[in-house]
Every structure is written in C-alpha cells, then in structure tokens.
Amino acid sequence: MGNEIGGLFVHPKFQNQRIGKELVQFVSVNFPVLLVEVFAINQEGICFYEKMGFSAVQQKINPETGEILVRMIRDKQGLILHQSSLYGDK
C-alpha cells in the first residue's frame, strides 16, 4: 500500500478526540505524499481529509458498488509535479 491510506475508521464513541488527525500525522512523517479514496457519499470523511490538507484529484466509479470514489492527495512538500505520473496515465 505504500503511501495510500487503505482505510481509517474511528469508532463514533472516540471521534472528535484528534485520533484520526494523530494517525494521519504519524504516517505522514514517513510519507510526505499521501493518497486516499473516499466514497463521495461520505461527506464527513471528505471534510476530514480536506481539513488534513488533502485535495480531490480524481473521481471514478467503484466497479464493485457502483458508487463514486473520490481520490484525494496530500502533498506537503510539493513532490508531485504531474498528476498523470501518480496514476499511471499517459
């Protein structure tokens, strides 16, 4: 998985206690560029990642669910110059 966050879920009982923020900050020490995919219907998740400095860069349909996925990136050091190189597009 490298620099991609495969899933980040905090139990509702423990939300709004900086746990998610601390986890993202912890992994960003080793990965200055982070990627995540969030279902478009999950506006709370999208808002969380936007607050953490992520930007939406792509949308696609998840073939298993038919739902829209929003691909987001956080590049704190400006390392990604061309999005196409990130996604393997030519």
PDB file of N, CA and C in Angstrom:
ATOM      1  N   MET A   1       0.821  -1.192   0.000  1.00  0.00           N
ATOM      2  CA  MET A   1       0.000   0.000   0.000  1.00  0.00           C
ATOM      3  C   MET A   1       0.863   1.252   0.000  1.00  0.00           C
ATOM      4  N   GLY A   2       2.044   1.202   0.531  1.00  0.00           N
ATOM      5  CA  GLY A   2       2.930   2.353   0.467  1.00  0.00           C
ATOM      6  C   GLY A   2       2.330   3.597   1.082  1.00  0.00           C
ATOM      7  N   ASN A   3       2.145   4.619   0.249  1.00  0.00           N
ATOM      8  CA  ASN A   3       1.675   5.908   0.758  1.00  0.00           C
ATOM      9  C   ASN A   3       0.160   6.078   0.656  1.00  0.00           C
ATOM     10  N   GLU A   4      -0.566   5.001   0.426  1.00  0.00           N
ATOM     11  CA  GLU A   4      -2.031   5.089   0.312  1.00  0.00           C
ATOM     12  C   GLU A   4      -2.689   4.633   1.609  1.00  0.00           C
ATOM     13  N   ILE A   5      -3.580   5.458   2.113  1.00  0.00           N
ATOM     14  CA  ILE A   5      -4.358   5.103   3.297  1.00  0.00           C
ATOM     15  C   ILE A   5      -5.481   4.193   2.822  1.00  0.00           C
ATOM     16  N   GLY A   6      -5.404   2.927   3.201  1.00  0.00           N
ATOM     17  CA  GLY A   6      -6.390   1.940   2.751  1.00  0.00           C
ATOM     18  C   GLY A   6      -7.719   2.062   3.485  1.00  0.00           C
ATOM     19  N   GLY A   7      -7.701   2.593   4.672  1.00  0.00           N
ATOM     20  CA  GLY A   7      -8.916   2.776   5.450  1.00  0.00           C
ATOM     21  C   GLY A   7      -8.567   3.378   6.798  1.00  0.00           C
ATOM     22  N   LEU A   8      -9.357   4.314   7.219  1.00  0.00           N
ATOM     23  CA  LEU A   8      -9.151   4.947   8.517  1.00  0.00           C
ATOM     24  C   LEU A   8     -10.526   5.151   9.145  1.00  0.00           C
ATOM     25  N   PHE A   9     -10.797   4.354  10.152  1.00  0.00           N
ATOM     26  CA  PHE A   9     -12.102   4.409  10.798  1.00  0.00           C
ATOM     27  C   PHE A   9     -11.906   4.556  12.300  1.00  0.00           C
ATOM     28  N   VAL A  10     -12.567   5.526  12.877  1.00  0.00           N
ATOM     29  CA  VAL A  10     -12.536   5.731  14.320  1.00  0.00           C
ATOM     30  C   VAL A  10     -13.953   5.498  14.829  1.00  0.00           C
ATOM     31  N   HIS A  11     -14.075   4.645  15.814  1.00  0.00           N
ATOM     32  CA  HIS A  11     -15.385   4.336  16.396  1.00  0.00           C
ATOM     33  C   HIS A  11     -16.072   5.643  16.803  1.00  0.00           C
ATOM     34  N   PRO A  12     -17.373   5.764  16.517  1.00  0.00           N
ATOM     35  CA  PRO A  12     -18.088   7.008  16.836  1.00  0.00           C
ATOM     36  C   PRO A  12     -17.899   7.482  18.280  1.00  0.00           C
ATOM     37  N   LYS A  13     -17.764   6.558  19.200  1.00  0.00           N
ATOM     38  CA  LYS A  13     -17.573   6.914  20.610  1.00  0.00           C
ATOM     39  C   LYS A  13     -16.276   7.702  20.823  1.00  0.00           C
ATOM     40  N   PHE A  14     -15.298   7.499  19.932  1.00  0.00           N
ATOM     41  CA  PHE A  14     -13.990   8.119  20.098  1.00  0.00           C
ATOM     42  C   PHE A  14     -13.693   9.199  19.057  1.00  0.00           C
ATOM     43  N   GLN A  15     -14.692   9.548  18.238  1.00  0.00           N
ATOM     44  CA  GLN A  15     -14.485  10.593  17.241  1.00  0.00           C
ATOM     45  C   GLN A  15     -14.398  11.959  17.919  1.00  0.00           C
ATOM     46  N   ASN A  16     -13.826  12.923  17.186  1.00  0.00           N
ATOM     47  CA  ASN A  16     -13.638  14.295  17.672  1.00  0.00           C
ATOM     48  C   ASN A  16     -12.722  14.360  18.892  1.00  0.00           C
ATOM     49  N   GLN A  17     -11.780  13.413  18.953  1.00  0.00           N
ATOM     50  CA  GLN A  17     -10.785  13.413  20.024  1.00  0.00           C
ATOM     51  C   GLN A  17      -9.369  13.442  19.444  1.00  0.00           C
ATOM     52  N   ARG A  18      -9.253  13.837  18.173  1.00  0.00           N
ATOM     53  CA  ARG A  18      -7.971  14.006  17.474  1.00  0.00           C
ATOM     54  C   ARG A  18      -7.288  12.699  17.111  1.00  0.00           C
ATOM     55  N   ILE A  19      -7.975  11.572  17.264  1.00  0.00           N
ATOM     56  CA  ILE A  19      -7.362  10.273  16.971  1.00  0.00           C
ATOM     57  C   ILE A  19      -7.047  10.140  15.485  1.00  0.00           C
ATOM     58  N   GLY A  20      -8.012  10.430  14.629  1.00  0.00           N
ATOM     59  CA  GLY A  20      -7.786  10.356  13.181  1.00  0.00           C
ATOM     60  C   GLY A  20      -6.687  11.309  12.745  1.00  0.00           C
ATOM     61  N   LYS A  21      -6.720  12.513  13.260  1.00  0.00           N
ATOM     62  CA  LYS A  21      -5.700  13.509  12.926  1.00  0.00           C
ATOM     63  C   LYS A  21      -4.317  13.024  13.338  1.00  0.00           C
ATOM     64  N   GLU A  22      -4.204  12.471  14.526  1.00  0.00           N
ATOM     65  CA  GLU A  22      -2.917  11.966  15.010  1.00  0.00           C
ATOM     66  C   GLU A  22      -2.420  10.812  14.144  1.00  0.00           C
ATOM     67  N   LEU A  23      -3.309   9.940  13.710  1.00  0.00           N
ATOM     68  CA  LEU A  23      -2.901   8.824  12.859  1.00  0.00           C
ATOM     69  C   LEU A  23      -2.365   9.313  11.516  1.00  0.00           C
ATOM     70  N   VAL A  24      -3.058  10.273  10.898  1.00  0.00           N
ATOM     71  CA  VAL A  24      -2.587  10.820   9.621  1.00  0.00           C
ATOM     72  C   VAL A  24      -1.245  11.516   9.805  1.00  0.00           C
ATOM     73  N   GLN A  25      -1.104  12.276  10.861  1.00  0.00           N
ATOM     74  CA  GLN A  25       0.167  12.960  11.119  1.00  0.00           C
ATOM     75  C   GLN A  25       1.293  11.964  11.368  1.00  0.00           C
ATOM     76  N   PHE A  26       0.999  10.870  12.040  1.00  0.00           N
ATOM     77  CA  PHE A  26       2.003   9.855  12.325  1.00  0.00           C
ATOM     78  C   PHE A  26       2.542   9.239  11.036  1.00  0.00           C
ATOM     79  N   VAL A  27       1.655   8.843  10.120  1.00  0.00           N
ATOM     80  CA  VAL A  27       2.140   8.215   8.884  1.00  0.00           C
ATOM     81  C   VAL A  27       2.781   9.227   7.949  1.00  0.00           C
ATOM     82  N   SER A  28       2.401  10.490   8.047  1.00  0.00           N
ATOM     83  CA  SER A  28       2.962  11.490   7.138  1.00  0.00           C
ATOM     84  C   SER A  28       4.428  11.793   7.436  1.00  0.00           C
ATOM     85  N   VAL A  29       4.922  11.373   8.593  1.00  0.00           N
ATOM     86  CA  VAL A  29       6.343  11.535   8.904  1.00  0.00           C
ATOM     87  C   VAL A  29       7.182  10.763   7.890  1.00  0.00           C
ATOM     88  N   ASN A  30       6.749   9.562   7.537  1.00  0.00           N
ATOM     89  CA  ASN A  30       7.473   8.717   6.592  1.00  0.00           C
ATOM     90  C   ASN A  30       6.985   8.853   5.160  1.00  0.00           C
ATOM     91  N   PHE A  31       5.815   9.420   4.967  1.00  0.00           N
ATOM     92  CA  PHE A  31       5.222   9.542   3.636  1.00  0.00           C
ATOM     93  C   PHE A  31       4.734  10.975   3.426  1.00  0.00           C
ATOM     94  N   PRO A  32       5.560  11.861   2.861  1.00  0.00           N
ATOM     95  CA  PRO A  32       5.139  13.250   2.659  1.00  0.00           C
ATOM     96  C   PRO A  32       4.005  13.386   1.643  1.00  0.00           C
ATOM     97  N   VAL A  33       3.840  12.375   0.786  1.00  0.00           N
ATOM     98  CA  VAL A  33       2.716  12.346  -0.150  1.00  0.00           C
ATOM     99  C   VAL A  33       1.804  11.209   0.290  1.00  0.00           C
ATOM    100  N   LEU A  34       0.556  11.536   0.576  1.00  0.00           N
ATOM    101  CA  LEU A  34      -0.420  10.531   0.994  1.00  0.00           C
ATOM    102  C   LEU A  34      -1.602  10.531   0.038  1.00  0.00           C
ATOM    103  N   LEU A  35      -2.125   9.345  -0.212  1.00  0.00           N
ATOM    104  CA  LEU A  35      -3.306   9.167  -1.065  1.00  0.00           C
ATOM    105  C   LEU A  35      -4.397   8.472  -0.273  1.00  0.00           C
ATOM    106  N   VAL A  36      -5.639   8.760  -0.646  1.00  0.00           N
ATOM    107  CA  VAL A  36      -6.781   8.082  -0.043  1.00  0.00           C
ATOM    108  C   VAL A  36      -7.937   8.137  -1.025  1.00  0.00           C
ATOM    109  N   GLU A  37      -8.786   7.126  -0.988  1.00  0.00           N
ATOM    110  CA  GLU A  37     -10.026   7.139  -1.761  1.00  0.00           C
ATOM    111  C   GLU A  37     -11.188   7.097  -0.788  1.00  0.00           C
ATOM    112  N   VAL A  38     -12.145   7.986  -1.001  1.00  0.00           N
ATOM    113  CA  VAL A  38     -13.297   8.121  -0.117  1.00  0.00           C
ATOM    114  C   VAL A  38     -14.549   8.091  -0.984  1.00  0.00           C
ATOM    115  N   PHE A  39     -15.559   7.357  -0.555  1.00  0.00           N
ATOM    116  CA  PHE A  39     -16.820   7.375  -1.286  1.00  0.00           C
ATOM    117  C   PHE A  39     -17.414   8.776  -1.235  1.00  0.00           C
ATOM    118  N   ALA A  40     -17.887   9.256  -2.367  1.00  0.00           N
ATOM    119  CA  ALA A  40     -18.431  10.613  -2.467  1.00  0.00           C
ATOM    120  C   ALA A  40     -19.589  10.838  -1.494  1.00  0.00           C
ATOM    121  N   ILE A  41     -20.309   9.791  -1.201  1.00  0.00           N
ATOM    122  CA  ILE A  41     -21.444   9.910  -0.282  1.00  0.00           C
ATOM    123  C   ILE A  41     -20.976  10.175   1.155  1.00  0.00           C
ATOM    124  N   ASN A  42     -19.713   9.887   1.438  1.00  0.00           N
ATOM    125  CA  ASN A  42     -19.142  10.069   2.773  1.00  0.00           C
ATOM    126  C   ASN A  42     -18.593  11.488   2.915  1.00  0.00           C
ATOM    127  N   GLN A  43     -19.484  12.450   3.000  1.00  0.00           N
ATOM    128  CA  GLN A  43     -19.073  13.852   3.086  1.00  0.00           C
ATOM    129  C   GLN A  43     -18.296  14.148   4.367  1.00  0.00           C
ATOM    130  N   GLU A  44     -18.616  13.462   5.433  1.00  0.00           N
ATOM    131  CA  GLU A  44     -17.879  13.652   6.686  1.00  0.00           C
ATOM    132  C   GLU A  44     -16.413  13.242   6.500  1.00  0.00           C
ATOM    133  N   GLY A  45     -16.196  12.130   5.810  1.00  0.00           N
ATOM    134  CA  GLY A  45     -14.833  11.681   5.531  1.00  0.00           C
ATOM    135  C   GLY A  45     -14.092  12.638   4.619  1.00  0.00           C
ATOM    136  N   ILE A  46     -14.763  13.112   3.572  1.00  0.00           N
ATOM    137  CA  ILE A  46     -14.140  14.066   2.653  1.00  0.00           C
ATOM    138  C   ILE A  46     -13.763  15.346   3.392  1.00  0.00           C
ATOM    139  N   CYS A  47     -14.640  15.845   4.236  1.00  0.00           N
ATOM    140  CA  CYS A  47     -14.345  17.056   5.014  1.00  0.00           C
ATOM    141  C   CYS A  47     -13.161  16.838   5.950  1.00  0.00           C
ATOM    142  N   PHE A  48     -13.090  15.666   6.568  1.00  0.00           N
ATOM    143  CA  PHE A  48     -11.966  15.354   7.442  1.00  0.00           C
ATOM    144  C   PHE A  48     -10.659  15.438   6.666  1.00  0.00           C
ATOM    145  N   TYR A  49     -10.604  14.783   5.508  1.00  0.00           N
ATOM    146  CA  TYR A  49      -9.363  14.778   4.742  1.00  0.00           C
ATOM    147  C   TYR A  49      -9.034  16.167   4.195  1.00  0.00           C
ATOM    148  N   GLU A  50     -10.033  16.935   3.822  1.00  0.00           N
ATOM    149  CA  GLU A  50      -9.766  18.309   3.379  1.00  0.00           C
ATOM    150  C   GLU A  50      -9.157  19.128   4.521  1.00  0.00           C
ATOM    151  N   LYS A  51      -9.669  18.965   5.725  1.00  0.00           N
ATOM    152  CA  LYS A  51      -9.105  19.663   6.881  1.00  0.00           C
ATOM    153  C   LYS A  51      -7.664  19.233   7.147  1.00  0.00           C
ATOM    154  N   MET A  52      -7.332  18.010   6.744  1.00  0.00           N
ATOM    155  CA  MET A  52      -5.982  17.488   6.929  1.00  0.00           C
ATOM    156  C   MET A  52      -5.063  17.873   5.771  1.00  0.00           C
ATOM    157  N   GLY A  53      -5.559  18.669   4.828  1.00  0.00           N
ATOM    158  CA  GLY A  53      -4.724  19.159   3.737  1.00  0.00           C
ATOM    159  C   GLY A  53      -4.801  18.366   2.453  1.00  0.00           C
ATOM    160  N   PHE A  54      -5.733  17.426   2.354  1.00  0.00           N
ATOM    161  CA  PHE A  54      -5.911  16.644   1.137  1.00  0.00           C
ATOM    162  C   PHE A  54      -6.752  17.432   0.136  1.00  0.00           C
ATOM    163  N   SER A  55      -6.524  17.180  -1.147  1.00  0.00           N
ATOM    164  CA  SER A  55      -7.316  17.778  -2.219  1.00  0.00           C
ATOM    165  C   SER A  55      -7.822  16.670  -3.134  1.00  0.00           C
ATOM    166  N   ALA A  56      -9.045  16.818  -3.594  1.00  0.00           N
ATOM    167  CA  ALA A  56      -9.601  15.857  -4.547  1.00  0.00           C
ATOM    168  C   ALA A  56      -8.922  16.035  -5.894  1.00  0.00           C
ATOM    169  N   VAL A  57      -8.504  14.920  -6.495  1.00  0.00           N
ATOM    170  CA  VAL A  57      -7.817  14.990  -7.780  1.00  0.00           C
ATOM    171  C   VAL A  57      -8.465  14.123  -8.852  1.00  0.00           C
ATOM    172  N   GLN A  58      -9.358  13.233  -8.456  1.00  0.00           N
ATOM    173  CA  GLN A  58      -9.958  12.329  -9.437  1.00  0.00           C
ATOM    174  C   GLN A  58     -11.226  11.719  -8.850  1.00  0.00           C
ATOM    175  N   GLN A  59     -12.177  11.430  -9.730  1.00  0.00           N
ATOM    176  CA  GLN A  59     -13.363  10.676  -9.343  1.00  0.00           C
ATOM    177  C   GLN A  59     -13.495   9.496 -10.289  1.00  0.00           C
ATOM    178  N   LYS A  60     -13.962   8.383  -9.749  1.00  0.00           N
ATOM    179  CA  LYS A  60     -14.199   7.208 -10.581  1.00  0.00           C
ATOM    180  C   LYS A  60     -15.300   6.383  -9.940  1.00  0.00           C
ATOM    181  N   ILE A  61     -15.834   5.469 -10.706  1.00  0.00           N
ATOM    182  CA  ILE A  61     -16.877   4.578 -10.204  1.00  0.00           C
ATOM    183  C   ILE A  61     -16.217   3.324  -9.641  1.00  0.00           C
ATOM    184  N   ASN A  62     -16.587   2.952  -8.440  1.00  0.00           N
ATOM    185  CA  ASN A  62     -16.124   1.697  -7.860  1.00  0.00           C
ATOM    186  C   ASN A  62     -16.873   0.570  -8.556  1.00  0.00           C
ATOM    187  N   PRO A  63     -16.176  -0.333  -9.245  1.00  0.00           N
ATOM    188  CA  PRO A  63     -16.861  -1.374 -10.014  1.00  0.00           C
ATOM    189  C   PRO A  63     -17.653  -2.356  -9.161  1.00  0.00           C
ATOM    190  N   GLU A  64     -17.277  -2.513  -7.908  1.00  0.00           N
ATOM    191  CA  GLU A  64     -17.977  -3.460  -7.033  1.00  0.00           C
ATOM    192  C   GLU A  64     -19.282  -2.909  -6.485  1.00  0.00           C
ATOM    193  N   THR A  65     -19.324  -1.584  -6.233  1.00  0.00           N
ATOM    194  CA  THR A  65     -20.506  -0.996  -5.595  1.00  0.00           C
ATOM    195  C   THR A  65     -21.297  -0.086  -6.523  1.00  0.00           C
ATOM    196  N   GLY A  66     -20.650   0.396  -7.596  1.00  0.00           N
ATOM    197  CA  GLY A  66     -21.299   1.367  -8.470  1.00  0.00           C
ATOM    198  C   GLY A  66     -21.300   2.774  -7.894  1.00  0.00           C
ATOM    199  N   GLU A  67     -20.685   2.948  -6.734  1.00  0.00           N
ATOM    200  CA  GLU A  67     -20.631   4.248  -6.073  1.00  0.00           C
ATOM    201  C   GLU A  67     -19.440   5.059  -6.580  1.00  0.00           C
ATOM    202  N   ILE A  68     -19.544   6.380  -6.476  1.00  0.00           N
ATOM    203  CA  ILE A  68     -18.455   7.269  -6.883  1.00  0.00           C
ATOM    204  C   ILE A  68     -17.401   7.313  -5.784  1.00  0.00           C
ATOM    205  N   LEU A  69     -16.145   7.111  -6.195  1.00  0.00           N
ATOM    206  CA  LEU A  69     -15.000   7.250  -5.303  1.00  0.00           C
ATOM    207  C   LEU A  69     -14.279   8.542  -5.629  1.00  0.00           C
ATOM    208  N   VAL A  70     -13.861   9.260  -4.607  1.00  0.00           N
ATOM    209  CA  VAL A  70     -13.081  10.481  -4.772  1.00  0.00           C
ATOM    210  C   VAL A  70     -11.653  10.167  -4.329  1.00  0.00           C
ATOM    211  N   ARG A  71     -10.724  10.308  -5.244  1.00  0.00           N
ATOM    212  CA  ARG A  71      -9.309  10.098  -4.922  1.00  0.00           C
ATOM    213  C   ARG A  71      -8.745  11.437  -4.461  1.00  0.00           C
ATOM    214  N   MET A  72      -8.061  11.408  -3.307  1.00  0.00           N
ATOM    215  CA  MET A  72      -7.538  12.634  -2.714  1.00  0.00           C
ATOM    216  C   MET A  72      -6.049  12.470  -2.458  1.00  0.00           C
ATOM    217  N   ILE A  73      -5.332  13.584  -2.503  1.00  0.00           N
ATOM    218  CA  ILE A  73      -3.897  13.578  -2.275  1.00  0.00           C
ATOM    219  C   ILE A  73      -3.522  14.691  -1.307  1.00  0.00           C
ATOM    220  N   ARG A  74      -2.521  14.393  -0.517  1.00  0.00           N
ATOM    221  CA  ARG A  74      -1.908  15.401   0.361  1.00  0.00           C
ATOM    222  C   ARG A  74      -0.417  15.373   0.053  1.00  0.00           C
ATOM    223  N   ASP A  75       0.070  16.483  -0.441  1.00  0.00           N
ATOM    224  CA  ASP A  75       1.463  16.595  -0.871  1.00  0.00           C
ATOM    225  C   ASP A  75       2.082  17.779  -0.149  1.00  0.00           C
ATOM    226  N   LYS A  76       2.551  17.559   1.049  1.00  0.00           N
ATOM    227  CA  LYS A  76       3.054  18.643   1.898  1.00  0.00           C
ATOM    228  C   LYS A  76       4.333  19.283   1.377  1.00  0.00           C
ATOM    229  N   GLN A  77       5.091  18.569   0.549  1.00  0.00           N
ATOM    230  CA  GLN A  77       6.371  19.097   0.100  1.00  0.00           C
ATOM    231  C   GLN A  77       6.380  19.429  -1.394  1.00  0.00           C
ATOM    232  N   GLY A  78       5.228  19.378  -2.054  1.00  0.00           N
ATOM    233  CA  GLY A  78       5.172  19.693  -3.472  1.00  0.00           C
ATOM    234  C   GLY A  78       5.955  18.714  -4.325  1.00  0.00           C
ATOM    235  N   LEU A  79       5.936  17.431  -3.947  1.00  0.00           N
ATOM    236  CA  LEU A  79       6.731  16.431  -4.647  1.00  0.00           C
ATOM    237  C   LEU A  79       6.095  15.952  -5.950  1.00  0.00           C
ATOM    238  N   ILE A  80       4.783  16.024  -6.044  1.00  0.00           N
ATOM    239  CA  ILE A  80       4.097  15.551  -7.241  1.00  0.00           C
ATOM    240  C   ILE A  80       3.918  16.726  -8.188  1.00  0.00           C
ATOM    241  N   LEU A  81       4.592  16.664  -9.307  1.00  0.00           N
ATOM    242  CA  LEU A  81       4.506  17.748 -10.280  1.00  0.00           C
ATOM    243  C   LEU A  81       3.417  17.480 -11.316  1.00  0.00           C
ATOM    244  N   HIS A  82       3.222  16.213 -11.643  1.00  0.00           N
ATOM    245  CA  HIS A  82       2.244  15.846 -12.661  1.00  0.00           C
ATOM    246  C   HIS A  82       1.363  14.737 -12.104  1.00  0.00           C
ATOM    247  N   GLN A  83       0.075  15.009 -12.014  1.00  0.00           N
ATOM    248  CA  GLN A  83      -0.847  14.009 -11.511  1.00  0.00           C
ATOM    249  C   GLN A  83      -0.852  12.764 -12.368  1.00  0.00           C
ATOM    250  N   SER A  84      -0.607  12.904 -13.664  1.00  0.00           N
ATOM    251  CA  SER A  84      -0.647  11.752 -14.546  1.00  0.00           C
ATOM    252  C   SER A  84       0.392  10.716 -14.137  1.00  0.00           C
ATOM    253  N   SER A  85       1.553  11.150 -13.647  1.00  0.00           N
ATOM    254  CA  SER A  85       2.570  10.189 -13.226  1.00  0.00           C
ATOM    255  C   SER A  85       2.125   9.445 -11.970  1.00  0.00           C
ATOM    256  N   LEU A  86       1.271  10.067 -11.168  1.00  0.00           N
ATOM    257  CA  LEU A  86       0.786   9.450  -9.947  1.00  0.00           C
ATOM    258  C   LEU A  86      -0.179   8.315 -10.238  1.00  0.00           C
ATOM    259  N   TYR A  87      -0.953   8.448 -11.284  1.00  0.00           N
ATOM    260  CA  TYR A  87      -1.998   7.480 -11.583  1.00  0.00           C
ATOM    261  C   TYR A  87      -1.640   6.541 -12.709  1.00  0.00           C
ATOM    262  N   GLY A  88      -0.467   6.693 -13.271  1.00  0.00           N
ATOM    263  CA  GLY A  88      -0.077   5.817 -14.351  1.00  0.00           C
ATOM    264  C   GLY A  88      -0.713   6.180 -15.670  1.00  0.00           C
ATOM    265  N   ASP A  89      -1.330   7.350 -15.783  1.00  0.00           N
ATOM    266  CA  ASP A  89      -1.944   7.799 -17.031  1.00  0.00           C
ATOM    267  C   ASP A  89      -0.861   8.241 -17.991  1.00  0.00           C
ATOM    268  N   LYS A  90      -1.149   8.149 -19.251  1.00  0.00           N
ATOM    269  CA  LYS A  90      -0.178   8.601 -20.252  1.00  0.00           C
ATOM    270  C   LYS A  90      -0.782   9.644 -21.161  1.00  0.00           C
TER     271      LYS A  90
END
